[in-house]
Amino acid sequence: MISLDVGDCKVDILPVVNGLVSEADRVRSEFSEHESYGISLGIEGVQCLKNRRNIQDEFDVSELDMVYAHHMEIFGKVEIPSPAMYTFIDLVTDTGNLCLALDMNEYDYTELYCDTVGASEFIREHHVAKKGMKRIFDSPTPEGLAKKWDEFVNSSIKSYGKLAEKREEHIANEIKDISNYKKSLLAAIEVERVDGIVGRLE
């Protein structure tokens, strides 16, 4: 848990490793009462995970996500959607509170993606996935592996790194906005985005 003051609001950030089933237990153990709760997903993502039991369609999984899951399995069972994320949403829902979407909505993200990622880089994703499958990401912790994988992808496809920075900026701004009218916030954020977000809040 990372704690910092943003204005008069105490912000607690819970870094999570997406996909790893064991992260759900860690989220449960670190969850605590706050005036507000947020998660690094768009509104559509929050609603999808909240209602996941009623959704018949399978969740979309990219080739890069599949390679990430392959490497992360060294630390335990991996599932999609992220157990850490949906567990956090379930816990917030059980308190009777609303889980605030800190990330961009689907329309805004799609617009940003189209403006940032060129056709050649989109096509390059398959090559990067194949290269990533063969690569060894040596890390003693799942958090370290998640960060190394993120660095590999964003350095291989530069525009993906720009997208990540834009997401960090947006999420940090949402947290700042919440801090204007709430006294405390607990936010679940994927570990690879945490440093960039905290740096924008300090």
N, C-alpha and C. Protein backbone atom coordinates (compact mmCIF):
# COMPACT_ATOMS: atom_id res chain seq x y z
N MET A 1 0.84 -1.19 0.00
CA MET A 1 0.00 0.00 0.00
C MET A 1 0.88 1.25 0.00
N ILE A 2 0.51 2.20 -0.83
CA ILE A 2 1.22 3.48 -0.89
C ILE A 2 0.26 4.56 -0.43
N SER A 3 0.66 5.34 0.57
CA SER A 3 -0.21 6.37 1.12
C SER A 3 0.41 7.74 0.89
N LEU A 4 -0.42 8.68 0.49
CA LEU A 4 0.03 10.05 0.29
C LEU A 4 -1.16 10.99 0.45
N ASP A 5 -0.85 12.24 0.75
CA ASP A 5 -1.89 13.26 0.87
C ASP A 5 -1.97 14.03 -0.44
N VAL A 6 -3.19 14.15 -0.95
CA VAL A 6 -3.45 14.97 -2.13
C VAL A 6 -4.42 16.05 -1.68
N GLY A 7 -3.92 17.24 -1.44
CA GLY A 7 -4.74 18.27 -0.81
C GLY A 7 -5.10 17.82 0.59
N ASP A 8 -6.39 17.86 0.91
CA ASP A 8 -6.86 17.42 2.22
C ASP A 8 -7.34 15.97 2.21
N CYS A 9 -7.06 15.26 1.14
CA CYS A 9 -7.53 13.88 0.99
C CYS A 9 -6.38 12.89 1.22
N LYS A 10 -6.65 11.88 2.05
CA LYS A 10 -5.68 10.81 2.23
C LYS A 10 -5.92 9.77 1.14
N VAL A 11 -4.93 9.58 0.28
CA VAL A 11 -5.04 8.65 -0.84
C VAL A 11 -4.20 7.41 -0.56
N ASP A 12 -4.84 6.27 -0.52
CA ASP A 12 -4.14 4.99 -0.38
C ASP A 12 -4.23 4.25 -1.71
N ILE A 13 -3.07 3.93 -2.27
CA ILE A 13 -3.02 3.22 -3.55
C ILE A 13 -2.61 1.78 -3.31
N LEU A 14 -3.45 0.87 -3.79
CA LEU A 14 -3.19 -0.56 -3.67
C LEU A 14 -2.69 -1.08 -5.01
N PRO A 15 -1.37 -1.31 -5.14
CA PRO A 15 -0.83 -1.84 -6.40
C PRO A 15 -1.23 -3.31 -6.54
N VAL A 16 -1.74 -3.68 -7.71
CA VAL A 16 -2.15 -5.08 -7.92
C VAL A 16 -1.49 -5.64 -9.18
N VAL A 17 -1.32 -6.94 -9.17
CA VAL A 17 -0.78 -7.65 -10.33
C VAL A 17 -1.96 -8.27 -11.07
N ASN A 18 -2.21 -7.80 -12.26
CA ASN A 18 -3.34 -8.30 -13.03
C ASN A 18 -3.16 -9.78 -13.39
N GLY A 19 -4.26 -10.52 -13.30
CA GLY A 19 -4.26 -11.90 -13.75
C GLY A 19 -3.97 -12.93 -12.69
N LEU A 20 -3.11 -12.61 -11.76
CA LEU A 20 -2.67 -13.59 -10.76
C LEU A 20 -3.79 -13.84 -9.74
N VAL A 21 -4.25 -15.08 -9.65
CA VAL A 21 -5.38 -15.42 -8.79
C VAL A 21 -5.10 -15.12 -7.32
N SER A 22 -3.88 -15.34 -6.87
CA SER A 22 -3.53 -15.12 -5.47
C SER A 22 -3.64 -13.65 -5.06
N GLU A 23 -3.66 -12.75 -6.02
CA GLU A 23 -3.79 -11.33 -5.71
C GLU A 23 -5.15 -11.01 -5.10
N ALA A 24 -6.15 -11.83 -5.37
CA ALA A 24 -7.49 -11.59 -4.82
C ALA A 24 -7.45 -11.63 -3.29
N ASP A 25 -6.71 -12.58 -2.73
CA ASP A 25 -6.60 -12.68 -1.28
C ASP A 25 -5.87 -11.48 -0.70
N ARG A 26 -4.88 -10.99 -1.41
CA ARG A 26 -4.15 -9.82 -0.93
C ARG A 26 -5.04 -8.58 -0.93
N VAL A 27 -5.87 -8.45 -1.96
CA VAL A 27 -6.81 -7.33 -2.02
C VAL A 27 -7.78 -7.40 -0.84
N ARG A 28 -8.28 -8.59 -0.55
CA ARG A 28 -9.20 -8.74 0.58
C ARG A 28 -8.54 -8.36 1.90
N SER A 29 -7.28 -8.75 2.07
CA SER A 29 -6.59 -8.50 3.34
C SER A 29 -6.23 -7.02 3.52
N GLU A 30 -6.03 -6.30 2.42
CA GLU A 30 -5.62 -4.90 2.51
C GLU A 30 -6.77 -3.93 2.33
N PHE A 31 -7.94 -4.43 1.99
CA PHE A 31 -9.10 -3.57 1.81
C PHE A 31 -9.52 -2.99 3.15
N SER A 32 -9.85 -1.70 3.17
CA SER A 32 -10.26 -1.05 4.41
C SER A 32 -11.27 0.06 4.11
N GLU A 33 -11.88 0.55 5.16
CA GLU A 33 -12.94 1.55 5.00
C GLU A 33 -12.36 2.91 4.59
N HIS A 34 -12.93 3.46 3.54
CA HIS A 34 -12.57 4.80 3.05
C HIS A 34 -13.85 5.52 2.64
N GLU A 35 -13.74 6.83 2.50
CA GLU A 35 -14.91 7.60 2.06
C GLU A 35 -15.22 7.34 0.59
N SER A 36 -14.19 7.04 -0.20
CA SER A 36 -14.40 6.78 -1.63
C SER A 36 -13.45 5.69 -2.10
N TYR A 37 -13.81 5.08 -3.23
CA TYR A 37 -13.03 3.98 -3.81
C TYR A 37 -12.93 4.17 -5.32
N GLY A 38 -11.74 3.89 -5.85
CA GLY A 38 -11.55 4.02 -7.29
C GLY A 38 -10.70 2.89 -7.83
N ILE A 39 -10.77 2.70 -9.14
CA ILE A 39 -10.03 1.61 -9.78
C ILE A 39 -9.57 2.07 -11.16
N SER A 40 -8.42 1.56 -11.59
CA SER A 40 -7.82 2.01 -12.86
C SER A 40 -8.45 1.30 -14.05
N LEU A 41 -9.77 1.46 -14.16
CA LEU A 41 -10.54 0.96 -15.30
C LEU A 41 -11.47 2.06 -15.78
N GLY A 42 -11.91 1.96 -17.03
CA GLY A 42 -12.93 2.86 -17.53
C GLY A 42 -14.29 2.43 -17.00
N ILE A 43 -15.29 3.27 -17.18
CA ILE A 43 -16.63 2.97 -16.66
C ILE A 43 -17.17 1.67 -17.23
N GLU A 44 -16.88 1.41 -18.51
CA GLU A 44 -17.35 0.17 -19.13
C GLU A 44 -16.70 -1.05 -18.48
N GLY A 45 -15.41 -0.92 -18.16
CA GLY A 45 -14.70 -2.02 -17.52
C GLY A 45 -15.22 -2.31 -16.13
N VAL A 46 -15.54 -1.25 -15.38
CA VAL A 46 -16.10 -1.43 -14.04
C VAL A 46 -17.44 -2.16 -14.12
N GLN A 47 -18.31 -1.71 -15.02
CA GLN A 47 -19.63 -2.33 -15.16
C GLN A 47 -19.53 -3.78 -15.62
N CYS A 48 -18.59 -4.03 -16.52
CA CYS A 48 -18.39 -5.38 -17.05
C CYS A 48 -17.98 -6.35 -15.94
N LEU A 49 -17.04 -5.94 -15.11
CA LEU A 49 -16.58 -6.81 -14.03
C LEU A 49 -17.63 -6.94 -12.93
N LYS A 50 -18.35 -5.86 -12.69
CA LYS A 50 -19.41 -5.90 -11.68
C LYS A 50 -20.50 -6.89 -12.06
N ASN A 51 -20.80 -6.96 -13.37
CA ASN A 51 -21.88 -7.82 -13.86
C ASN A 51 -21.36 -9.06 -14.57
N ARG A 52 -20.11 -9.44 -14.29
CA ARG A 52 -19.46 -10.50 -15.06
C ARG A 52 -20.21 -11.83 -15.02
N ARG A 53 -20.90 -12.10 -13.93
CA ARG A 53 -21.61 -13.39 -13.82
C ARG A 53 -22.80 -13.47 -14.77
N ASN A 54 -23.28 -12.33 -15.23
CA ASN A 54 -24.44 -12.30 -16.12
C ASN A 54 -24.05 -12.13 -17.59
N ILE A 55 -22.74 -12.07 -17.85
CA ILE A 55 -22.27 -11.87 -19.22
C ILE A 55 -21.89 -13.21 -19.82
N GLN A 56 -22.52 -13.54 -20.94
CA GLN A 56 -22.29 -14.83 -21.59
C GLN A 56 -21.05 -14.83 -22.48
N ASP A 57 -20.75 -13.68 -23.07
CA ASP A 57 -19.63 -13.60 -24.00
C ASP A 57 -18.30 -13.76 -23.26
N GLU A 58 -17.32 -14.31 -23.95
CA GLU A 58 -15.98 -14.43 -23.38
C GLU A 58 -15.29 -13.07 -23.41
N PHE A 59 -14.42 -12.85 -22.45
CA PHE A 59 -13.67 -11.60 -22.39
C PHE A 59 -12.59 -11.61 -23.47
N ASP A 60 -12.43 -10.45 -24.11
CA ASP A 60 -11.42 -10.33 -25.16
C ASP A 60 -10.02 -10.45 -24.55
N VAL A 61 -9.19 -11.23 -25.19
CA VAL A 61 -7.81 -11.41 -24.73
C VAL A 61 -6.88 -11.18 -25.91
N SER A 62 -5.97 -10.21 -25.77
CA SER A 62 -5.04 -9.92 -26.85
C SER A 62 -3.89 -10.92 -26.84
N GLU A 63 -3.15 -10.95 -27.93
CA GLU A 63 -1.99 -11.84 -28.02
C GLU A 63 -0.95 -11.48 -26.96
N LEU A 64 -0.78 -10.18 -26.72
CA LEU A 64 0.17 -9.75 -25.70
C LEU A 64 -0.28 -10.19 -24.31
N ASP A 65 -1.59 -10.14 -24.05
CA ASP A 65 -2.11 -10.59 -22.76
C ASP A 65 -1.84 -12.08 -22.55
N MET A 66 -1.96 -12.85 -23.62
CA MET A 66 -1.73 -14.29 -23.52
C MET A 66 -0.27 -14.60 -23.19
N VAL A 67 0.64 -13.83 -23.77
CA VAL A 67 2.07 -14.04 -23.48
C VAL A 67 2.37 -13.61 -22.04
N TYR A 68 1.79 -12.49 -21.63
CA TYR A 68 1.94 -12.03 -20.24
C TYR A 68 1.48 -13.12 -19.27
N ALA A 69 0.32 -13.70 -19.54
CA ALA A 69 -0.22 -14.75 -18.67
C ALA A 69 0.71 -15.96 -18.64
N HIS A 70 1.28 -16.30 -19.79
CA HIS A 70 2.21 -17.43 -19.87
C HIS A 70 3.40 -17.24 -18.93
N HIS A 71 3.96 -16.04 -18.93
CA HIS A 71 5.11 -15.77 -18.07
C HIS A 71 4.69 -15.67 -16.60
N MET A 72 3.53 -15.06 -16.34
CA MET A 72 3.09 -14.85 -14.95
C MET A 72 2.73 -16.16 -14.25
N GLU A 73 2.44 -17.20 -15.02
CA GLU A 73 2.06 -18.49 -14.43
C GLU A 73 3.16 -19.11 -13.57
N ILE A 74 4.38 -18.60 -13.69
CA ILE A 74 5.46 -19.10 -12.84
C ILE A 74 5.17 -18.81 -11.37
N PHE A 75 4.31 -17.79 -11.12
CA PHE A 75 3.98 -17.40 -9.75
C PHE A 75 2.63 -17.95 -9.28
N GLY A 76 1.96 -18.69 -10.13
CA GLY A 76 0.68 -19.27 -9.73
C GLY A 76 -0.35 -19.20 -10.84
N LYS A 77 -1.56 -19.60 -10.53
CA LYS A 77 -2.64 -19.64 -11.50
C LYS A 77 -3.00 -18.24 -11.97
N VAL A 78 -3.26 -18.12 -13.28
CA VAL A 78 -3.61 -16.84 -13.89
C VAL A 78 -4.99 -16.95 -14.53
N GLU A 79 -5.80 -15.92 -14.33
CA GLU A 79 -7.14 -15.88 -14.92
C GLU A 79 -7.42 -14.53 -15.54
N ILE A 80 -8.31 -14.54 -16.52
CA ILE A 80 -8.83 -13.32 -17.13
C ILE A 80 -10.34 -13.40 -17.08
N PRO A 81 -11.03 -12.35 -16.55
CA PRO A 81 -10.52 -11.05 -16.14
C PRO A 81 -9.72 -11.11 -14.84
N SER A 82 -9.09 -9.99 -14.51
CA SER A 82 -8.18 -9.92 -13.38
C SER A 82 -8.89 -10.16 -12.05
N PRO A 83 -8.51 -11.23 -11.33
CA PRO A 83 -9.12 -11.49 -10.01
C PRO A 83 -8.96 -10.33 -9.03
N ALA A 84 -7.82 -9.67 -9.07
CA ALA A 84 -7.60 -8.54 -8.17
C ALA A 84 -8.60 -7.43 -8.43
N MET A 85 -8.84 -7.15 -9.71
CA MET A 85 -9.74 -6.06 -10.07
C MET A 85 -11.19 -6.38 -9.72
N TYR A 86 -11.66 -7.57 -10.09
CA TYR A 86 -13.07 -7.84 -9.80
C TYR A 86 -13.32 -8.08 -8.31
N THR A 87 -12.31 -8.56 -7.59
CA THR A 87 -12.45 -8.71 -6.14
C THR A 87 -12.58 -7.35 -5.48
N PHE A 88 -11.78 -6.40 -5.92
CA PHE A 88 -11.86 -5.04 -5.38
C PHE A 88 -13.24 -4.45 -5.63
N ILE A 89 -13.74 -4.59 -6.86
CA ILE A 89 -15.07 -4.07 -7.19
C ILE A 89 -16.15 -4.74 -6.34
N ASP A 90 -16.04 -6.05 -6.15
CA ASP A 90 -17.02 -6.77 -5.31
C ASP A 90 -17.00 -6.25 -3.88
N LEU A 91 -15.80 -6.02 -3.35
CA LEU A 91 -15.68 -5.54 -1.97
C LEU A 91 -16.29 -4.15 -1.82
N VAL A 92 -16.04 -3.29 -2.79
CA VAL A 92 -16.62 -1.94 -2.75
C VAL A 92 -18.14 -2.03 -2.83
N THR A 93 -18.64 -2.86 -3.73
CA THR A 93 -20.09 -3.02 -3.89
C THR A 93 -20.72 -3.52 -2.59
N ASP A 94 -20.04 -4.42 -1.90
CA ASP A 94 -20.56 -4.96 -0.64
C ASP A 94 -20.68 -3.90 0.45
N THR A 95 -19.88 -2.84 0.35
CA THR A 95 -19.96 -1.76 1.34
C THR A 95 -21.10 -0.80 1.03
N GLY A 96 -21.71 -0.96 -0.15
CA GLY A 96 -22.79 -0.05 -0.55
C GLY A 96 -22.29 1.19 -1.24
N ASN A 97 -20.99 1.24 -1.52
CA ASN A 97 -20.40 2.40 -2.19
C ASN A 97 -20.26 2.15 -3.69
N LEU A 98 -20.01 3.23 -4.41
CA LEU A 98 -19.77 3.16 -5.85
C LEU A 98 -18.27 3.08 -6.10
N CYS A 99 -17.87 2.15 -6.96
CA CYS A 99 -16.46 2.06 -7.36
C CYS A 99 -16.24 3.00 -8.53
N LEU A 100 -15.48 4.05 -8.31
CA LEU A 100 -15.28 5.09 -9.32
C LEU A 100 -14.29 4.64 -10.38
N ALA A 101 -14.63 4.90 -11.63
CA ALA A 101 -13.75 4.58 -12.75
C ALA A 101 -12.72 5.70 -12.89
N LEU A 102 -11.45 5.38 -12.70
CA LEU A 102 -10.39 6.38 -12.77
C LEU A 102 -9.80 6.51 -14.17
N ASP A 103 -10.00 5.51 -15.00
CA ASP A 103 -9.42 5.50 -16.34
C ASP A 103 -10.40 6.11 -17.35
N MET A 104 -9.94 6.27 -18.58
CA MET A 104 -10.76 6.82 -19.66
C MET A 104 -11.91 5.90 -20.01
N ASN A 105 -13.00 6.50 -20.49
CA ASN A 105 -14.08 5.66 -21.00
C ASN A 105 -13.66 5.08 -22.36
N GLU A 106 -14.43 4.14 -22.84
CA GLU A 106 -14.06 3.40 -24.05
C GLU A 106 -13.93 4.30 -25.27
N TYR A 107 -14.85 5.27 -25.39
CA TYR A 107 -14.82 6.17 -26.55
C TYR A 107 -13.54 7.00 -26.54
N ASP A 108 -13.23 7.62 -25.41
CA ASP A 108 -12.04 8.48 -25.33
C ASP A 108 -10.76 7.67 -25.55
N TYR A 109 -10.72 6.46 -25.00
CA TYR A 109 -9.51 5.64 -25.18
C TYR A 109 -9.36 5.22 -26.64
N THR A 110 -10.45 4.88 -27.28
CA THR A 110 -10.39 4.49 -28.69
C THR A 110 -9.90 5.64 -29.55
N GLU A 111 -10.40 6.84 -29.26
CA GLU A 111 -9.96 8.03 -29.98
C GLU A 111 -8.46 8.24 -29.79
N LEU A 112 -8.01 8.14 -28.55
CA LEU A 112 -6.59 8.33 -28.25
C LEU A 112 -5.75 7.26 -28.93
N TYR A 113 -6.23 6.02 -28.91
CA TYR A 113 -5.51 4.90 -29.53
C TYR A 113 -5.33 5.16 -31.03
N CYS A 114 -6.40 5.55 -31.68
CA CYS A 114 -6.35 5.78 -33.13
C CYS A 114 -5.44 6.95 -33.48
N ASP A 115 -5.39 7.94 -32.59
CA ASP A 115 -4.55 9.11 -32.84
C ASP A 115 -3.08 8.84 -32.53
N THR A 116 -2.80 7.82 -31.71
CA THR A 116 -1.45 7.58 -31.22
C THR A 116 -0.75 6.42 -31.90
N VAL A 117 -1.48 5.35 -32.16
CA VAL A 117 -0.89 4.12 -32.69
C VAL A 117 -1.09 4.04 -34.20
N GLY A 118 0.01 4.01 -34.93
CA GLY A 118 -0.05 3.88 -36.38
C GLY A 118 -0.32 2.45 -36.81
N ALA A 119 -0.71 2.28 -38.05
CA ALA A 119 -1.03 0.95 -38.57
C ALA A 119 0.16 0.01 -38.49
N SER A 120 1.35 0.53 -38.78
CA SER A 120 2.54 -0.33 -38.76
C SER A 120 2.84 -0.82 -37.35
N GLU A 121 2.59 0.02 -36.35
CA GLU A 121 2.84 -0.39 -34.96
C GLU A 121 1.79 -1.39 -34.49
N PHE A 122 0.56 -1.21 -34.95
CA PHE A 122 -0.49 -2.16 -34.60
C PHE A 122 -0.14 -3.56 -35.14
N ILE A 123 0.34 -3.59 -36.38
CA ILE A 123 0.74 -4.86 -36.99
C ILE A 123 1.94 -5.46 -36.27
N ARG A 124 2.79 -4.60 -35.73
CA ARG A 124 4.01 -5.05 -35.03
C ARG A 124 3.69 -5.81 -33.74
N GLU A 125 2.48 -5.66 -33.23
CA GLU A 125 2.12 -6.31 -31.97
C GLU A 125 2.34 -7.82 -32.03
N HIS A 126 2.01 -8.44 -33.16
CA HIS A 126 2.18 -9.89 -33.31
C HIS A 126 3.66 -10.27 -33.19
N HIS A 127 4.53 -9.50 -33.83
CA HIS A 127 5.97 -9.76 -33.77
C HIS A 127 6.49 -9.61 -32.34
N VAL A 128 6.01 -8.58 -31.64
CA VAL A 128 6.45 -8.35 -30.27
C VAL A 128 5.97 -9.48 -29.36
N ALA A 129 4.76 -9.97 -29.59
CA ALA A 129 4.24 -11.08 -28.80
C ALA A 129 5.09 -12.33 -28.99
N LYS A 130 5.45 -12.63 -30.23
CA LYS A 130 6.29 -13.80 -30.51
C LYS A 130 7.66 -13.65 -29.85
N LYS A 131 8.22 -12.46 -29.95
CA LYS A 131 9.52 -12.19 -29.34
C LYS A 131 9.42 -12.31 -27.81
N GLY A 132 8.32 -11.81 -27.26
CA GLY A 132 8.12 -11.85 -25.82
C GLY A 132 7.95 -13.26 -25.29
N MET A 133 7.37 -14.14 -26.10
CA MET A 133 7.18 -15.53 -25.69
C MET A 133 8.52 -16.23 -25.48
N LYS A 134 9.50 -15.88 -26.30
CA LYS A 134 10.81 -16.52 -26.23
C LYS A 134 11.73 -15.87 -25.20
N ARG A 135 11.40 -14.67 -24.79
CA ARG A 135 12.27 -13.92 -23.89
C ARG A 135 12.14 -14.43 -22.45
N ILE A 136 13.23 -14.33 -21.70
CA ILE A 136 13.21 -14.69 -20.29
C ILE A 136 13.14 -13.41 -19.46
N PHE A 137 12.08 -13.28 -18.66
CA PHE A 137 11.92 -12.12 -17.79
C PHE A 137 12.24 -12.57 -16.36
N ASP A 138 13.48 -12.38 -15.99
CA ASP A 138 13.96 -12.88 -14.70
C ASP A 138 13.57 -11.92 -13.59
N SER A 139 12.66 -12.36 -12.73
CA SER A 139 12.24 -11.52 -11.60
C SER A 139 11.82 -12.42 -10.44
N PRO A 140 12.22 -12.08 -9.23
CA PRO A 140 11.85 -12.90 -8.07
C PRO A 140 10.42 -12.66 -7.58
N THR A 141 9.77 -11.62 -8.11
CA THR A 141 8.42 -11.29 -7.65
C THR A 141 7.49 -11.08 -8.84
N PRO A 142 6.19 -11.31 -8.66
CA PRO A 142 5.24 -11.03 -9.74
C PRO A 142 5.16 -9.55 -10.08
N GLU A 143 5.34 -8.70 -9.07
CA GLU A 143 5.33 -7.25 -9.32
C GLU A 143 6.47 -6.86 -10.26
N GLY A 144 7.65 -7.44 -10.00
CA GLY A 144 8.80 -7.16 -10.85
C GLY A 144 8.60 -7.67 -12.26
N LEU A 145 8.00 -8.83 -12.39
CA LEU A 145 7.73 -9.39 -13.71
C LEU A 145 6.75 -8.52 -14.48
N ALA A 146 5.70 -8.07 -13.82
CA ALA A 146 4.71 -7.21 -14.47
C ALA A 146 5.36 -5.94 -14.99
N LYS A 147 6.26 -5.37 -14.20
CA LYS A 147 6.94 -4.14 -14.62
C LYS A 147 7.90 -4.41 -15.77
N LYS A 148 8.62 -5.53 -15.72
CA LYS A 148 9.55 -5.86 -16.81
C LYS A 148 8.81 -6.12 -18.11
N TRP A 149 7.68 -6.81 -18.02
CA TRP A 149 6.88 -7.07 -19.22
C TRP A 149 6.37 -5.75 -19.81
N ASP A 150 5.89 -4.87 -18.94
CA ASP A 150 5.38 -3.57 -19.38
C ASP A 150 6.47 -2.77 -20.07
N GLU A 151 7.65 -2.78 -19.49
CA GLU A 151 8.79 -2.05 -20.07
C GLU A 151 9.17 -2.64 -21.43
N PHE A 152 9.14 -3.96 -21.54
CA PHE A 152 9.45 -4.62 -22.80
C PHE A 152 8.47 -4.22 -23.89
N VAL A 153 7.19 -4.26 -23.59
CA VAL A 153 6.17 -3.92 -24.59
C VAL A 153 6.26 -2.46 -24.99
N ASN A 154 6.38 -1.57 -24.00
CA ASN A 154 6.37 -0.14 -24.29
C ASN A 154 7.65 0.34 -24.97
N SER A 155 8.75 -0.37 -24.77
CA SER A 155 9.98 -0.01 -25.48
C SER A 155 10.00 -0.60 -26.89
N SER A 156 9.25 -1.69 -27.08
CA SER A 156 9.19 -2.32 -28.40
C SER A 156 8.19 -1.62 -29.31
N ILE A 157 7.12 -1.12 -28.72
CA ILE A 157 6.10 -0.37 -29.47
C ILE A 157 5.97 0.98 -28.79
N LYS A 158 6.69 1.97 -29.30
CA LYS A 158 6.82 3.26 -28.64
C LYS A 158 5.48 3.92 -28.36
N SER A 159 4.53 3.78 -29.29
CA SER A 159 3.24 4.43 -29.11
C SER A 159 2.47 3.83 -27.94
N TYR A 160 2.72 2.57 -27.61
CA TYR A 160 2.08 1.97 -26.45
C TYR A 160 2.58 2.62 -25.17
N GLY A 161 3.86 3.00 -25.16
CA GLY A 161 4.40 3.73 -24.04
C GLY A 161 3.74 5.08 -23.88
N LYS A 162 3.45 5.74 -25.01
CA LYS A 162 2.76 7.04 -24.96
C LYS A 162 1.34 6.87 -24.43
N LEU A 163 0.68 5.79 -24.84
CA LEU A 163 -0.66 5.50 -24.33
C LEU A 163 -0.64 5.30 -22.82
N ALA A 164 0.36 4.57 -22.34
CA ALA A 164 0.49 4.32 -20.91
C ALA A 164 0.66 5.62 -20.14
N GLU A 165 1.47 6.53 -20.68
CA GLU A 165 1.69 7.82 -20.02
C GLU A 165 0.41 8.65 -20.00
N LYS A 166 -0.36 8.60 -21.06
CA LYS A 166 -1.63 9.33 -21.12
C LYS A 166 -2.62 8.76 -20.10
N ARG A 167 -2.62 7.44 -19.95
CA ARG A 167 -3.49 6.82 -18.94
C ARG A 167 -3.07 7.26 -17.54
N GLU A 168 -1.78 7.26 -17.28
CA GLU A 168 -1.29 7.68 -15.97
C GLU A 168 -1.70 9.12 -15.68
N GLU A 169 -1.57 9.97 -16.67
CA GLU A 169 -1.94 11.38 -16.51
C GLU A 169 -3.44 11.50 -16.21
N HIS A 170 -4.25 10.76 -16.96
CA HIS A 170 -5.70 10.82 -16.77
C HIS A 170 -6.09 10.33 -15.38
N ILE A 171 -5.54 9.19 -14.97
CA ILE A 171 -5.88 8.62 -13.66
C ILE A 171 -5.44 9.55 -12.53
N ALA A 172 -4.25 10.13 -12.66
CA ALA A 172 -3.78 11.08 -11.64
C ALA A 172 -4.71 12.28 -11.55
N ASN A 173 -5.17 12.78 -12.68
CA ASN A 173 -6.09 13.92 -12.68
C ASN A 173 -7.43 13.55 -12.05
N GLU A 174 -7.90 12.33 -12.29
CA GLU A 174 -9.15 11.88 -11.66
C GLU A 174 -8.99 11.81 -10.15
N ILE A 175 -7.86 11.33 -9.69
CA ILE A 175 -7.61 11.26 -8.25
C ILE A 175 -7.56 12.66 -7.65
N LYS A 176 -6.92 13.59 -8.34
CA LYS A 176 -6.88 14.98 -7.87
C LYS A 176 -8.28 15.57 -7.78
N ASP A 177 -9.12 15.25 -8.76
CA ASP A 177 -10.49 15.76 -8.77
C ASP A 177 -11.28 15.20 -7.57
N ILE A 178 -11.13 13.90 -7.33
CA ILE A 178 -11.83 13.28 -6.20
C ILE A 178 -11.36 13.89 -4.88
N SER A 179 -10.07 14.22 -4.80
CA SER A 179 -9.51 14.77 -3.57
C SER A 179 -10.09 16.14 -3.21
N ASN A 180 -10.74 16.78 -4.18
CA ASN A 180 -11.34 18.09 -3.92
C ASN A 180 -12.63 17.99 -3.10
N TYR A 181 -13.26 16.81 -3.08
CA TYR A 181 -14.53 16.69 -2.35
C TYR A 181 -14.63 15.44 -1.47
N LYS A 182 -13.56 14.68 -1.37
CA LYS A 182 -13.54 13.52 -0.49
C LYS A 182 -12.33 13.60 0.45
N LYS A 183 -12.49 13.02 1.64
CA LYS A 183 -11.42 13.06 2.63
C LYS A 183 -10.48 11.85 2.55
N SER A 184 -10.95 10.78 1.93
CA SER A 184 -10.09 9.60 1.79
C SER A 184 -10.49 8.81 0.55
N LEU A 185 -9.50 8.17 -0.06
CA LEU A 185 -9.71 7.38 -1.27
C LEU A 185 -8.81 6.16 -1.24
N LEU A 186 -9.39 5.00 -1.53
CA LEU A 186 -8.62 3.78 -1.73
C LEU A 186 -8.72 3.43 -3.21
N ALA A 187 -7.56 3.34 -3.88
CA ALA A 187 -7.55 3.10 -5.32
C ALA A 187 -6.75 1.85 -5.65
N ALA A 188 -7.36 0.95 -6.41
CA ALA A 188 -6.67 -0.24 -6.90
C ALA A 188 -6.13 0.05 -8.30
N ILE A 189 -4.82 -0.09 -8.47
CA ILE A 189 -4.17 0.28 -9.72
C ILE A 189 -3.14 -0.79 -10.07
N GLU A 190 -3.08 -1.18 -11.35
CA GLU A 190 -2.10 -2.18 -11.75
C GLU A 190 -0.70 -1.67 -11.44
N VAL A 191 0.13 -2.56 -10.92
CA VAL A 191 1.42 -2.19 -10.35
C VAL A 191 2.32 -1.44 -11.33
N GLU A 192 2.23 -1.77 -12.61
CA GLU A 192 3.12 -1.15 -13.59
C GLU A 192 2.79 0.31 -13.87
N ARG A 193 1.60 0.78 -13.44
CA ARG A 193 1.22 2.17 -13.66
C ARG A 193 1.38 3.02 -12.39
N VAL A 194 1.63 2.38 -11.28
CA VAL A 194 1.60 3.09 -10.00
C VAL A 194 2.66 4.18 -9.91
N ASP A 195 3.90 3.88 -10.25
CA ASP A 195 4.98 4.87 -10.11
C ASP A 195 4.68 6.12 -10.92
N GLY A 196 4.21 5.96 -12.14
CA GLY A 196 3.91 7.11 -12.98
C GLY A 196 2.78 7.95 -12.43
N ILE A 197 1.81 7.30 -11.82
CA ILE A 197 0.67 8.02 -11.24
C ILE A 197 1.08 8.74 -9.97
N VAL A 198 1.79 8.04 -9.09
CA VAL A 198 2.24 8.66 -7.84
C VAL A 198 3.14 9.86 -8.13
N GLY A 199 4.00 9.74 -9.13
CA GLY A 199 4.88 10.84 -9.50
C GLY A 199 4.13 12.08 -9.93
N ARG A 200 2.94 11.89 -10.48
CA ARG A 200 2.11 13.02 -10.92
C ARG A 200 1.27 13.59 -9.78
N LEU A 201 1.20 12.87 -8.68
CA LEU A 201 0.42 13.33 -7.53
C LEU A 201 1.26 14.02 -6.48
N GLU A 202 2.55 13.71 -6.45
CA GLU A 202 3.42 14.26 -5.40
C GLU A 202 3.81 15.71 -5.71
